[in-house]
Amino acid sequence: MQKSYAIYIMTNTSNNVLYTGVTSNLKKRIYEHKNKIVKGFTEKYNIDKLVYYEIFDSSLNAIIREKQIKAGSRSRKIKLIEDMNKNWKDLYCEL
């Protein structure tokens, strides 16, 4: 079984703070954010809604993509989200 990797963007209830991350277990990682198991930025800003993700076969490709997204402007991140998830719904239940 080949391992997969994901980059993801999360936000808070009012959609005004964005967080971009990378993980080898998307469902587990989002669960950790939602339940405040992960201390730091996402806990501080109450980030608990998955609004965007991409899946990769390679950790290197996922990390490269994460860096591209993080280097982009807020408006580019918003466009990415809205191209996949126009209504900014929480995608966690679809994982």
N, C-alpha and C. Protein backbone atom coordinates (compact mmCIF):
# COMPACT_ATOMS: atom_id res chain seq x y z
N MET A 1 0.84 -1.18 0.00
CA MET A 1 0.00 0.00 0.00
C MET A 1 0.89 1.24 0.00
N GLN A 2 0.67 2.12 -0.97
CA GLN A 2 1.47 3.33 -1.09
C GLN A 2 0.93 4.40 -0.14
N LYS A 3 1.84 5.07 0.52
CA LYS A 3 1.48 6.13 1.43
C LYS A 3 1.12 7.39 0.65
N SER A 4 0.16 8.15 1.15
CA SER A 4 -0.20 9.40 0.50
C SER A 4 0.08 10.56 1.47
N TYR A 5 0.20 11.72 0.89
CA TYR A 5 0.50 12.94 1.64
C TYR A 5 -0.48 14.01 1.20
N ALA A 6 -0.74 14.95 2.07
CA ALA A 6 -1.72 15.98 1.74
C ALA A 6 -1.24 17.35 2.20
N ILE A 7 -1.60 18.35 1.42
CA ILE A 7 -1.52 19.73 1.90
C ILE A 7 -2.95 20.15 2.15
N TYR A 8 -3.13 21.04 3.09
CA TYR A 8 -4.48 21.43 3.45
C TYR A 8 -4.52 22.88 3.90
N ILE A 9 -5.69 23.48 3.76
CA ILE A 9 -5.93 24.81 4.28
C ILE A 9 -7.13 24.73 5.21
N MET A 10 -6.96 25.31 6.38
CA MET A 10 -8.03 25.36 7.37
C MET A 10 -8.31 26.82 7.71
N THR A 11 -9.48 27.04 8.28
CA THR A 11 -9.87 28.37 8.71
C THR A 11 -10.70 28.29 9.98
N ASN A 12 -11.11 29.45 10.48
CA ASN A 12 -11.97 29.49 11.66
C ASN A 12 -13.42 29.71 11.23
N THR A 13 -14.31 29.83 12.16
CA THR A 13 -15.74 29.94 11.86
C THR A 13 -16.05 31.14 10.98
N SER A 14 -15.36 32.25 11.20
CA SER A 14 -15.65 33.46 10.41
C SER A 14 -14.82 33.55 9.13
N ASN A 15 -14.03 32.52 8.83
CA ASN A 15 -13.23 32.43 7.60
C ASN A 15 -12.23 33.59 7.44
N ASN A 16 -11.76 34.16 8.54
CA ASN A 16 -10.85 35.29 8.41
C ASN A 16 -9.39 34.96 8.71
N VAL A 17 -9.10 33.76 9.16
CA VAL A 17 -7.72 33.33 9.40
C VAL A 17 -7.49 32.04 8.61
N LEU A 18 -6.38 31.99 7.86
CA LEU A 18 -6.06 30.80 7.07
C LEU A 18 -4.80 30.14 7.60
N TYR A 19 -4.81 28.82 7.60
CA TYR A 19 -3.65 28.04 8.02
C TYR A 19 -3.40 26.98 6.96
N THR A 20 -2.16 26.88 6.51
CA THR A 20 -1.77 25.88 5.51
C THR A 20 -0.80 24.89 6.16
N GLY A 21 -1.04 23.59 5.95
CA GLY A 21 -0.18 22.56 6.51
C GLY A 21 0.01 21.40 5.56
N VAL A 22 0.89 20.48 5.97
CA VAL A 22 1.17 19.27 5.21
C VAL A 22 1.16 18.10 6.19
N THR A 23 0.71 16.93 5.74
CA THR A 23 0.62 15.78 6.63
C THR A 23 0.62 14.48 5.83
N SER A 24 0.95 13.40 6.50
CA SER A 24 0.86 12.08 5.87
C SER A 24 -0.43 11.36 6.28
N ASN A 25 -1.23 11.98 7.14
CA ASN A 25 -2.50 11.39 7.56
C ASN A 25 -3.51 12.52 7.75
N LEU A 26 -4.18 12.90 6.68
CA LEU A 26 -5.04 14.08 6.69
C LEU A 26 -6.18 13.96 7.70
N LYS A 27 -6.87 12.87 7.71
CA LYS A 27 -8.02 12.72 8.61
C LYS A 27 -7.60 12.86 10.08
N LYS A 28 -6.51 12.21 10.43
CA LYS A 28 -6.00 12.28 11.81
C LYS A 28 -5.56 13.69 12.16
N ARG A 29 -4.86 14.34 11.24
CA ARG A 29 -4.33 15.68 11.51
C ARG A 29 -5.46 16.68 11.68
N ILE A 30 -6.49 16.61 10.87
CA ILE A 30 -7.60 17.54 11.00
C ILE A 30 -8.35 17.28 12.31
N TYR A 31 -8.50 16.01 12.67
CA TYR A 31 -9.11 15.66 13.96
C TYR A 31 -8.33 16.32 15.10
N GLU A 32 -7.00 16.27 15.02
CA GLU A 32 -6.16 16.87 16.06
C GLU A 32 -6.39 18.38 16.14
N HIS A 33 -6.48 19.04 15.00
CA HIS A 33 -6.75 20.48 15.00
C HIS A 33 -8.13 20.78 15.58
N LYS A 34 -9.14 20.04 15.15
CA LYS A 34 -10.50 20.28 15.61
C LYS A 34 -10.65 20.09 17.11
N ASN A 35 -9.90 19.16 17.66
CA ASN A 35 -10.01 18.85 19.09
C ASN A 35 -8.92 19.51 19.93
N LYS A 36 -8.23 20.48 19.34
CA LYS A 36 -7.22 21.28 20.03
C LYS A 36 -6.10 20.44 20.64
N ILE A 37 -5.82 19.31 20.01
CA ILE A 37 -4.71 18.45 20.44
C ILE A 37 -3.39 19.07 19.99
N VAL A 38 -3.43 19.78 18.86
CA VAL A 38 -2.26 20.46 18.33
C VAL A 38 -2.20 21.85 18.96
N LYS A 39 -1.17 22.09 19.75
CA LYS A 39 -1.01 23.39 20.39
C LYS A 39 -0.34 24.35 19.42
N GLY A 40 -0.63 25.62 19.53
CA GLY A 40 0.01 26.61 18.67
C GLY A 40 -0.99 27.45 17.92
N PHE A 41 -0.64 27.79 16.69
CA PHE A 41 -1.41 28.74 15.87
C PHE A 41 -2.87 28.35 15.72
N THR A 42 -3.13 27.09 15.36
CA THR A 42 -4.52 26.69 15.10
C THR A 42 -5.36 26.70 16.38
N GLU A 43 -4.74 26.37 17.49
CA GLU A 43 -5.46 26.43 18.76
C GLU A 43 -5.74 27.89 19.15
N LYS A 44 -4.71 28.73 19.01
CA LYS A 44 -4.82 30.14 19.40
C LYS A 44 -5.91 30.86 18.62
N TYR A 45 -6.02 30.58 17.32
CA TYR A 45 -6.98 31.27 16.47
C TYR A 45 -8.24 30.46 16.20
N ASN A 46 -8.43 29.38 16.95
CA ASN A 46 -9.64 28.55 16.86
C ASN A 46 -9.91 28.08 15.43
N ILE A 47 -8.86 27.60 14.79
CA ILE A 47 -8.96 27.11 13.42
C ILE A 47 -9.39 25.65 13.47
N ASP A 48 -10.57 25.36 12.92
CA ASP A 48 -11.10 24.00 13.03
C ASP A 48 -11.93 23.56 11.83
N LYS A 49 -11.81 24.29 10.71
CA LYS A 49 -12.62 23.96 9.54
C LYS A 49 -11.70 23.71 8.34
N LEU A 50 -11.75 22.49 7.80
CA LEU A 50 -10.98 22.13 6.62
C LEU A 50 -11.72 22.65 5.38
N VAL A 51 -11.07 23.54 4.62
CA VAL A 51 -11.74 24.13 3.46
C VAL A 51 -11.07 23.79 2.13
N TYR A 52 -9.87 23.19 2.18
CA TYR A 52 -9.16 22.87 0.94
C TYR A 52 -8.11 21.80 1.23
N TYR A 53 -7.90 20.90 0.26
CA TYR A 53 -6.80 19.95 0.37
C TYR A 53 -6.43 19.40 -1.00
N GLU A 54 -5.21 18.92 -1.09
CA GLU A 54 -4.71 18.22 -2.27
C GLU A 54 -3.95 17.00 -1.78
N ILE A 55 -4.03 15.90 -2.52
CA ILE A 55 -3.36 14.65 -2.17
C ILE A 55 -2.20 14.40 -3.13
N PHE A 56 -1.09 13.89 -2.57
CA PHE A 56 0.13 13.60 -3.34
C PHE A 56 0.64 12.21 -3.00
N ASP A 57 1.36 11.61 -3.95
CA ASP A 57 2.01 10.32 -3.72
C ASP A 57 3.39 10.48 -3.10
N SER A 58 3.93 11.68 -3.15
CA SER A 58 5.29 11.93 -2.70
C SER A 58 5.31 13.01 -1.62
N SER A 59 6.05 12.77 -0.55
CA SER A 59 6.18 13.78 0.50
C SER A 59 6.87 15.02 -0.05
N LEU A 60 7.85 14.83 -0.91
CA LEU A 60 8.57 15.96 -1.50
C LEU A 60 7.63 16.85 -2.30
N ASN A 61 6.79 16.26 -3.13
CA ASN A 61 5.83 17.06 -3.91
C ASN A 61 4.84 17.79 -3.01
N ALA A 62 4.42 17.15 -1.94
CA ALA A 62 3.49 17.80 -1.01
C ALA A 62 4.16 18.99 -0.33
N ILE A 63 5.39 18.82 0.08
CA ILE A 63 6.12 19.91 0.74
C ILE A 63 6.36 21.07 -0.22
N ILE A 64 6.74 20.75 -1.46
CA ILE A 64 6.93 21.79 -2.47
C ILE A 64 5.64 22.57 -2.68
N ARG A 65 4.53 21.87 -2.78
CA ARG A 65 3.23 22.52 -2.99
C ARG A 65 2.84 23.37 -1.79
N GLU A 66 3.09 22.86 -0.59
CA GLU A 66 2.79 23.64 0.62
C GLU A 66 3.56 24.96 0.61
N LYS A 67 4.82 24.90 0.24
CA LYS A 67 5.65 26.12 0.20
C LYS A 67 5.13 27.09 -0.86
N GLN A 68 4.67 26.56 -2.01
CA GLN A 68 4.10 27.42 -3.05
C GLN A 68 2.86 28.15 -2.52
N ILE A 69 2.00 27.41 -1.85
CA ILE A 69 0.77 28.00 -1.33
C ILE A 69 1.09 29.03 -0.25
N LYS A 70 1.97 28.69 0.67
CA LYS A 70 2.34 29.62 1.74
C LYS A 70 2.98 30.89 1.20
N ALA A 71 3.71 30.78 0.11
CA ALA A 71 4.37 31.95 -0.48
C ALA A 71 3.40 32.84 -1.24
N GLY A 72 2.24 32.32 -1.56
CA GLY A 72 1.25 33.08 -2.33
C GLY A 72 0.50 34.07 -1.46
N SER A 73 -0.18 34.96 -2.11
CA SER A 73 -0.97 35.98 -1.41
C SER A 73 -2.24 35.37 -0.82
N ARG A 74 -2.84 36.11 0.08
CA ARG A 74 -4.11 35.68 0.65
C ARG A 74 -5.17 35.53 -0.44
N SER A 75 -5.18 36.44 -1.40
CA SER A 75 -6.18 36.36 -2.47
C SER A 75 -5.99 35.10 -3.31
N ARG A 76 -4.76 34.66 -3.52
CA ARG A 76 -4.52 33.41 -4.26
C ARG A 76 -5.02 32.21 -3.46
N LYS A 77 -4.85 32.25 -2.14
CA LYS A 77 -5.35 31.15 -1.30
C LYS A 77 -6.87 31.11 -1.34
N ILE A 78 -7.48 32.28 -1.29
CA ILE A 78 -8.94 32.35 -1.35
C ILE A 78 -9.44 31.81 -2.69
N LYS A 79 -8.77 32.14 -3.77
CA LYS A 79 -9.16 31.61 -5.09
C LYS A 79 -9.05 30.09 -5.12
N LEU A 80 -7.95 29.53 -4.57
CA LEU A 80 -7.80 28.07 -4.50
C LEU A 80 -8.98 27.45 -3.77
N ILE A 81 -9.29 28.02 -2.61
CA ILE A 81 -10.39 27.49 -1.79
C ILE A 81 -11.70 27.55 -2.56
N GLU A 82 -12.00 28.71 -3.13
CA GLU A 82 -13.29 28.90 -3.78
C GLU A 82 -13.43 28.12 -5.08
N ASP A 83 -12.31 27.81 -5.74
CA ASP A 83 -12.38 26.95 -6.93
C ASP A 83 -12.80 25.53 -6.56
N MET A 84 -12.42 25.07 -5.37
CA MET A 84 -12.75 23.72 -4.92
C MET A 84 -14.00 23.71 -4.04
N ASN A 85 -14.20 24.77 -3.28
CA ASN A 85 -15.18 24.77 -2.20
C ASN A 85 -15.82 26.16 -2.12
N LYS A 86 -16.66 26.45 -3.07
CA LYS A 86 -17.26 27.79 -3.23
C LYS A 86 -17.89 28.32 -1.95
N ASN A 87 -18.53 27.46 -1.18
CA ASN A 87 -19.26 27.89 0.01
C ASN A 87 -18.46 27.76 1.30
N TRP A 88 -17.20 27.42 1.19
CA TRP A 88 -16.31 27.30 2.35
C TRP A 88 -16.87 26.31 3.40
N LYS A 89 -17.48 25.24 2.94
CA LYS A 89 -18.01 24.26 3.89
C LYS A 89 -16.85 23.43 4.45
N ASP A 90 -17.07 22.84 5.59
CA ASP A 90 -16.07 21.99 6.23
C ASP A 90 -16.01 20.66 5.47
N LEU A 91 -14.86 20.35 4.92
CA LEU A 91 -14.68 19.14 4.12
C LEU A 91 -14.28 17.92 4.93
N TYR A 92 -14.13 18.07 6.22
CA TYR A 92 -13.66 16.97 7.07
C TYR A 92 -14.55 15.74 6.97
N CYS A 93 -15.85 15.93 6.93
CA CYS A 93 -16.77 14.78 6.89
C CYS A 93 -16.67 14.00 5.60
N GLU A 94 -16.04 14.58 4.56
CA GLU A 94 -15.89 13.89 3.26
C GLU A 94 -14.63 13.03 3.20
N LEU A 95 -13.78 13.15 4.20
CA LEU A 95 -12.51 12.39 4.16
C LEU A 95 -12.74 10.91 4.40
